[in-house]
Amino acid sequence: MFTINLQSREPIYEQVYNNVVRLISLGVLQPKQQLPPVRQLATQLSVNPNTVSKAYKALEQDGIIYSVVGKGSFVAPQLNAVSGKKLEALDKIEQSVAEAKNLGIEKNEVLKIVDKIY
């Protein structure tokens, strides 16, 4: 389910974060469903457990998951397909804007496009 690209410029914890968001938006992970334990996922991905922990903490801060002491991390119950699609759309926007910046596109050009759409 989870995949990371070790050659990507995107930090591994962000890739884990984005994987969870993607899986929620696709309906693979359902509200209140338990996520893999940090150590198990770290072993599966061959990364440091602190990296997975950092991703889970960011997901929790954003209200996408919640933790229960002694039981693990779970998908937030209020998330639904629409929320998942919104998260996926925001992720795509972030990636596109980062790519535009790397290509030298000015911020005001991006903002003009956003203003035009809205």
N, C-alpha and C. Protein backbone atom coordinates (compact mmCIF):
# COMPACT_ATOMS: atom_id res chain seq x y z
N MET A 1 0.82 -1.20 0.00
CA MET A 1 0.00 0.00 0.00
C MET A 1 0.87 1.26 0.00
N PHE A 2 1.84 1.31 0.86
CA PHE A 2 2.69 2.50 0.97
C PHE A 2 3.90 2.34 0.07
N THR A 3 4.23 3.42 -0.62
CA THR A 3 5.42 3.40 -1.46
C THR A 3 6.19 4.69 -1.24
N ILE A 4 7.50 4.58 -1.32
CA ILE A 4 8.34 5.77 -1.24
C ILE A 4 9.36 5.71 -2.37
N ASN A 5 9.79 6.87 -2.78
CA ASN A 5 10.80 6.98 -3.81
C ASN A 5 12.04 7.59 -3.16
N LEU A 6 13.05 6.77 -2.97
CA LEU A 6 14.26 7.24 -2.29
C LEU A 6 15.05 8.24 -3.13
N GLN A 7 14.74 8.33 -4.42
CA GLN A 7 15.45 9.27 -5.28
C GLN A 7 14.69 10.58 -5.47
N SER A 8 13.53 10.68 -4.85
CA SER A 8 12.74 11.90 -4.94
C SER A 8 13.36 12.99 -4.08
N ARG A 9 13.14 14.23 -4.48
CA ARG A 9 13.59 15.36 -3.66
C ARG A 9 12.66 15.59 -2.48
N GLU A 10 11.48 15.01 -2.55
CA GLU A 10 10.51 15.15 -1.46
C GLU A 10 10.98 14.33 -0.26
N PRO A 11 11.01 14.93 0.92
CA PRO A 11 11.44 14.19 2.11
C PRO A 11 10.58 12.94 2.32
N ILE A 12 11.19 11.91 2.90
CA ILE A 12 10.50 10.64 3.09
C ILE A 12 9.28 10.79 3.97
N TYR A 13 9.37 11.61 5.03
CA TYR A 13 8.20 11.76 5.91
C TYR A 13 7.03 12.39 5.16
N GLU A 14 7.32 13.29 4.21
CA GLU A 14 6.25 13.88 3.41
C GLU A 14 5.66 12.85 2.46
N GLN A 15 6.49 11.96 1.96
CA GLN A 15 5.98 10.90 1.10
C GLN A 15 5.05 9.98 1.89
N VAL A 16 5.41 9.66 3.13
CA VAL A 16 4.55 8.83 3.98
C VAL A 16 3.24 9.58 4.23
N TYR A 17 3.34 10.86 4.58
CA TYR A 17 2.17 11.70 4.80
C TYR A 17 1.25 11.66 3.57
N ASN A 18 1.84 11.90 2.40
CA ASN A 18 1.06 11.94 1.17
C ASN A 18 0.48 10.58 0.81
N ASN A 19 1.17 9.51 1.17
CA ASN A 19 0.64 8.17 0.95
C ASN A 19 -0.64 7.96 1.75
N VAL A 20 -0.62 8.38 3.01
CA VAL A 20 -1.81 8.23 3.85
C VAL A 20 -2.97 9.04 3.27
N VAL A 21 -2.69 10.27 2.88
CA VAL A 21 -3.72 11.13 2.29
C VAL A 21 -4.29 10.48 1.02
N ARG A 22 -3.40 9.96 0.18
CA ARG A 22 -3.83 9.32 -1.07
C ARG A 22 -4.70 8.10 -0.79
N LEU A 23 -4.29 7.28 0.16
CA LEU A 23 -5.04 6.07 0.48
C LEU A 23 -6.41 6.39 1.08
N ILE A 24 -6.49 7.48 1.83
CA ILE A 24 -7.79 7.91 2.36
C ILE A 24 -8.67 8.40 1.22
N SER A 25 -8.10 9.21 0.34
CA SER A 25 -8.89 9.76 -0.77
C SER A 25 -9.38 8.68 -1.71
N LEU A 26 -8.62 7.60 -1.84
CA LEU A 26 -9.03 6.49 -2.71
C LEU A 26 -10.01 5.54 -2.01
N GLY A 27 -10.21 5.76 -0.72
CA GLY A 27 -11.12 4.90 0.02
C GLY A 27 -10.48 3.61 0.52
N VAL A 28 -9.17 3.47 0.33
CA VAL A 28 -8.46 2.29 0.81
C VAL A 28 -8.42 2.30 2.34
N LEU A 29 -8.17 3.47 2.91
CA LEU A 29 -8.22 3.65 4.36
C LEU A 29 -9.53 4.34 4.71
N GLN A 30 -10.29 3.73 5.59
CA GLN A 30 -11.60 4.24 5.98
C GLN A 30 -11.52 4.94 7.33
N PRO A 31 -12.49 5.84 7.61
CA PRO A 31 -12.53 6.47 8.93
C PRO A 31 -12.51 5.43 10.05
N LYS A 32 -11.75 5.72 11.09
CA LYS A 32 -11.57 4.89 12.28
C LYS A 32 -10.73 3.64 12.02
N GLN A 33 -10.21 3.46 10.79
CA GLN A 33 -9.36 2.31 10.50
C GLN A 33 -7.97 2.53 11.07
N GLN A 34 -7.39 1.50 11.63
CA GLN A 34 -6.06 1.61 12.23
C GLN A 34 -4.99 1.62 11.15
N LEU A 35 -4.02 2.51 11.34
CA LEU A 35 -2.86 2.57 10.47
C LEU A 35 -1.82 1.56 10.95
N PRO A 36 -0.90 1.17 10.07
CA PRO A 36 0.16 0.27 10.53
C PRO A 36 0.97 0.93 11.65
N PRO A 37 1.41 0.15 12.63
CA PRO A 37 2.25 0.71 13.69
C PRO A 37 3.51 1.33 13.08
N VAL A 38 4.05 2.33 13.76
CA VAL A 38 5.22 3.06 13.27
C VAL A 38 6.36 2.11 12.94
N ARG A 39 6.71 1.25 13.84
CA ARG A 39 7.85 0.36 13.61
C ARG A 39 7.61 -0.61 12.47
N GLN A 40 6.39 -1.11 12.37
CA GLN A 40 6.06 -2.04 11.29
C GLN A 40 6.19 -1.35 9.93
N LEU A 41 5.63 -0.14 9.82
CA LEU A 41 5.70 0.59 8.56
C LEU A 41 7.14 0.98 8.23
N ALA A 42 7.88 1.38 9.25
CA ALA A 42 9.29 1.74 9.04
C ALA A 42 10.07 0.55 8.51
N THR A 43 9.83 -0.62 9.06
CA THR A 43 10.50 -1.84 8.60
C THR A 43 10.09 -2.16 7.17
N GLN A 44 8.79 -2.05 6.89
CA GLN A 44 8.27 -2.33 5.55
C GLN A 44 8.90 -1.42 4.51
N LEU A 45 9.07 -0.14 4.86
CA LEU A 45 9.61 0.84 3.92
C LEU A 45 11.13 0.97 3.99
N SER A 46 11.74 0.27 4.93
CA SER A 46 13.19 0.33 5.17
C SER A 46 13.65 1.76 5.47
N VAL A 47 12.92 2.40 6.39
CA VAL A 47 13.27 3.75 6.82
C VAL A 47 13.35 3.77 8.34
N ASN A 48 13.86 4.85 8.88
CA ASN A 48 13.98 5.03 10.31
C ASN A 48 12.58 5.22 10.92
N PRO A 49 12.29 4.57 12.05
CA PRO A 49 10.99 4.75 12.69
C PRO A 49 10.68 6.22 13.02
N ASN A 50 11.72 7.03 13.29
CA ASN A 50 11.49 8.45 13.58
C ASN A 50 10.87 9.17 12.37
N THR A 51 11.19 8.70 11.17
CA THR A 51 10.65 9.31 9.95
C THR A 51 9.16 9.06 9.87
N VAL A 52 8.75 7.82 10.12
CA VAL A 52 7.32 7.48 10.10
C VAL A 52 6.60 8.21 11.22
N SER A 53 7.23 8.26 12.38
CA SER A 53 6.65 8.95 13.53
C SER A 53 6.42 10.43 13.20
N LYS A 54 7.37 11.06 12.53
CA LYS A 54 7.24 12.47 12.15
C LYS A 54 6.04 12.66 11.20
N ALA A 55 5.87 11.74 10.26
CA ALA A 55 4.74 11.82 9.33
C ALA A 55 3.42 11.67 10.09
N TYR A 56 3.36 10.69 10.99
CA TYR A 56 2.14 10.46 11.77
C TYR A 56 1.81 11.68 12.63
N LYS A 57 2.83 12.31 13.22
CA LYS A 57 2.59 13.51 14.03
C LYS A 57 2.03 14.64 13.18
N ALA A 58 2.56 14.81 11.97
CA ALA A 58 2.06 15.86 11.07
C ALA A 58 0.62 15.55 10.66
N LEU A 59 0.32 14.29 10.39
CA LEU A 59 -1.04 13.90 10.03
C LEU A 59 -2.00 14.17 11.19
N GLU A 60 -1.54 13.90 12.40
CA GLU A 60 -2.37 14.14 13.58
C GLU A 60 -2.59 15.64 13.79
N GLN A 61 -1.56 16.44 13.61
CA GLN A 61 -1.70 17.89 13.75
C GLN A 61 -2.70 18.45 12.75
N ASP A 62 -2.75 17.84 11.56
CA ASP A 62 -3.66 18.30 10.51
C ASP A 62 -5.05 17.70 10.64
N GLY A 63 -5.28 16.88 11.67
CA GLY A 63 -6.60 16.31 11.90
C GLY A 63 -6.96 15.17 10.97
N ILE A 64 -5.99 14.59 10.32
CA ILE A 64 -6.25 13.51 9.38
C ILE A 64 -6.28 12.17 10.10
N ILE A 65 -5.47 12.05 11.14
CA ILE A 65 -5.48 10.84 11.96
C ILE A 65 -5.53 11.25 13.43
N TYR A 66 -5.78 10.27 14.29
CA TYR A 66 -5.70 10.50 15.73
C TYR A 66 -5.04 9.29 16.36
N SER A 67 -4.47 9.49 17.53
CA SER A 67 -3.77 8.42 18.23
C SER A 67 -4.48 8.08 19.52
N VAL A 68 -4.44 6.80 19.86
CA VAL A 68 -4.96 6.31 21.13
C VAL A 68 -3.78 5.64 21.83
N VAL A 69 -3.46 6.13 23.01
CA VAL A 69 -2.31 5.62 23.74
C VAL A 69 -2.46 4.11 23.94
N GLY A 70 -1.43 3.39 23.55
CA GLY A 70 -1.42 1.95 23.72
C GLY A 70 -2.14 1.17 22.64
N LYS A 71 -2.84 1.88 21.75
CA LYS A 71 -3.60 1.18 20.71
C LYS A 71 -3.12 1.50 19.30
N GLY A 72 -2.58 2.72 19.09
CA GLY A 72 -2.06 3.07 17.78
C GLY A 72 -2.70 4.31 17.18
N SER A 73 -2.53 4.44 15.87
CA SER A 73 -3.04 5.60 15.12
C SER A 73 -4.17 5.14 14.21
N PHE A 74 -5.17 6.02 14.08
CA PHE A 74 -6.37 5.69 13.32
C PHE A 74 -6.75 6.85 12.41
N VAL A 75 -7.43 6.54 11.31
CA VAL A 75 -7.95 7.58 10.42
C VAL A 75 -9.05 8.32 11.17
N ALA A 76 -9.03 9.63 11.10
CA ALA A 76 -10.02 10.46 11.80
C ALA A 76 -11.44 10.09 11.35
N PRO A 77 -12.37 10.01 12.29
CA PRO A 77 -13.73 9.58 11.95
C PRO A 77 -14.51 10.57 11.09
N GLN A 78 -14.18 11.85 11.17
CA GLN A 78 -14.94 12.84 10.42
C GLN A 78 -14.55 12.91 8.95
N LEU A 79 -13.46 12.22 8.59
CA LEU A 79 -13.05 12.24 7.19
C LEU A 79 -13.98 11.36 6.37
N ASN A 80 -14.32 11.85 5.21
CA ASN A 80 -15.14 11.06 4.29
C ASN A 80 -14.54 11.19 2.90
N ALA A 81 -15.21 10.65 1.92
CA ALA A 81 -14.68 10.68 0.55
C ALA A 81 -14.44 12.11 0.08
N VAL A 82 -15.34 13.03 0.42
CA VAL A 82 -15.18 14.42 -0.02
C VAL A 82 -13.96 15.04 0.64
N SER A 83 -13.79 14.82 1.95
CA SER A 83 -12.62 15.34 2.65
C SER A 83 -11.34 14.76 2.05
N GLY A 84 -11.38 13.49 1.74
CA GLY A 84 -10.22 12.84 1.15
C GLY A 84 -9.88 13.44 -0.21
N LYS A 85 -10.90 13.71 -1.01
CA LYS A 85 -10.67 14.31 -2.32
C LYS A 85 -10.10 15.72 -2.17
N LYS A 86 -10.57 16.45 -1.17
CA LYS A 86 -10.03 17.79 -0.93
C LYS A 86 -8.56 17.70 -0.55
N LEU A 87 -8.22 16.75 0.32
CA LEU A 87 -6.83 16.57 0.72
C LEU A 87 -5.97 16.21 -0.49
N GLU A 88 -6.49 15.35 -1.34
CA GLU A 88 -5.75 14.95 -2.53
C GLU A 88 -5.55 16.14 -3.46
N ALA A 89 -6.60 16.96 -3.63
CA ALA A 89 -6.51 18.14 -4.50
C ALA A 89 -5.48 19.12 -3.96
N LEU A 90 -5.49 19.35 -2.66
CA LEU A 90 -4.52 20.26 -2.06
C LEU A 90 -3.10 19.74 -2.23
N ASP A 91 -2.93 18.44 -2.11
CA ASP A 91 -1.62 17.84 -2.31
C ASP A 91 -1.14 18.05 -3.74
N LYS A 92 -2.03 17.86 -4.70
CA LYS A 92 -1.67 18.06 -6.11
C LYS A 92 -1.31 19.52 -6.38
N ILE A 93 -2.06 20.43 -5.77
CA ILE A 93 -1.76 21.86 -5.94
C ILE A 93 -0.38 22.17 -5.38
N GLU A 94 -0.11 21.64 -4.21
CA GLU A 94 1.20 21.89 -3.58
C GLU A 94 2.33 21.37 -4.47
N GLN A 95 2.17 20.18 -5.01
CA GLN A 95 3.20 19.61 -5.88
C GLN A 95 3.37 20.45 -7.15
N SER A 96 2.24 20.89 -7.72
CA SER A 96 2.31 21.69 -8.95
C SER A 96 2.97 23.03 -8.72
N VAL A 97 2.65 23.67 -7.60
CA VAL A 97 3.25 24.96 -7.29
C VAL A 97 4.75 24.80 -7.04
N ALA A 98 5.13 23.73 -6.34
CA ALA A 98 6.56 23.48 -6.10
C ALA A 98 7.29 23.26 -7.43
N GLU A 99 6.66 22.53 -8.34
CA GLU A 99 7.27 22.30 -9.65
C GLU A 99 7.39 23.62 -10.42
N ALA A 100 6.33 24.43 -10.37
CA ALA A 100 6.35 25.72 -11.06
C ALA A 100 7.49 26.60 -10.52
N LYS A 101 7.64 26.60 -9.21
CA LYS A 101 8.71 27.39 -8.58
C LYS A 101 10.08 26.91 -9.05
N ASN A 102 10.24 25.58 -9.09
CA ASN A 102 11.52 25.01 -9.53
C ASN A 102 11.82 25.33 -10.99
N LEU A 103 10.78 25.57 -11.77
CA LEU A 103 10.95 25.91 -13.19
C LEU A 103 11.13 27.41 -13.40
N GLY A 104 11.08 28.17 -12.31
CA GLY A 104 11.32 29.60 -12.41
C GLY A 104 10.07 30.42 -12.67
N ILE A 105 8.90 29.82 -12.53
CA ILE A 105 7.66 30.57 -12.71
C ILE A 105 7.45 31.45 -11.49
N GLU A 106 7.18 32.71 -11.73
CA GLU A 106 7.03 33.68 -10.64
C GLU A 106 5.73 33.47 -9.87
N LYS A 107 5.76 33.83 -8.59
CA LYS A 107 4.61 33.69 -7.70
C LYS A 107 3.40 34.43 -8.25
N ASN A 108 3.61 35.65 -8.77
CA ASN A 108 2.47 36.43 -9.26
C ASN A 108 1.80 35.76 -10.46
N GLU A 109 2.55 35.01 -11.26
CA GLU A 109 1.96 34.28 -12.39
C GLU A 109 1.04 33.17 -11.88
N VAL A 110 1.48 32.47 -10.84
CA VAL A 110 0.67 31.41 -10.24
C VAL A 110 -0.59 32.01 -9.61
N LEU A 111 -0.43 33.12 -8.91
CA LEU A 111 -1.57 33.77 -8.27
C LEU A 111 -2.59 34.28 -9.29
N LYS A 112 -2.13 34.73 -10.45
CA LYS A 112 -3.04 35.16 -11.52
C LYS A 112 -3.91 33.99 -11.96
N ILE A 113 -3.33 32.82 -12.08
CA ILE A 113 -4.08 31.64 -12.48
C ILE A 113 -5.12 31.28 -11.42
N VAL A 114 -4.70 31.34 -10.16
CA VAL A 114 -5.63 31.03 -9.06
C VAL A 114 -6.78 32.04 -9.05
N ASP A 115 -6.47 33.33 -9.18
CA ASP A 115 -7.51 34.36 -9.21
C ASP A 115 -8.45 34.16 -10.38
N LYS A 116 -7.91 33.79 -11.52
CA LYS A 116 -8.72 33.56 -12.72
C LYS A 116 -9.74 32.43 -12.49
N ILE A 117 -9.28 31.36 -11.84
CA ILE A 117 -10.15 30.21 -11.59
C ILE A 117 -11.22 30.53 -10.56
N TYR A 118 -10.83 31.28 -9.52
CA TYR A 118 -11.80 31.60 -8.48
C TYR A 118 -12.63 32.80 -8.84
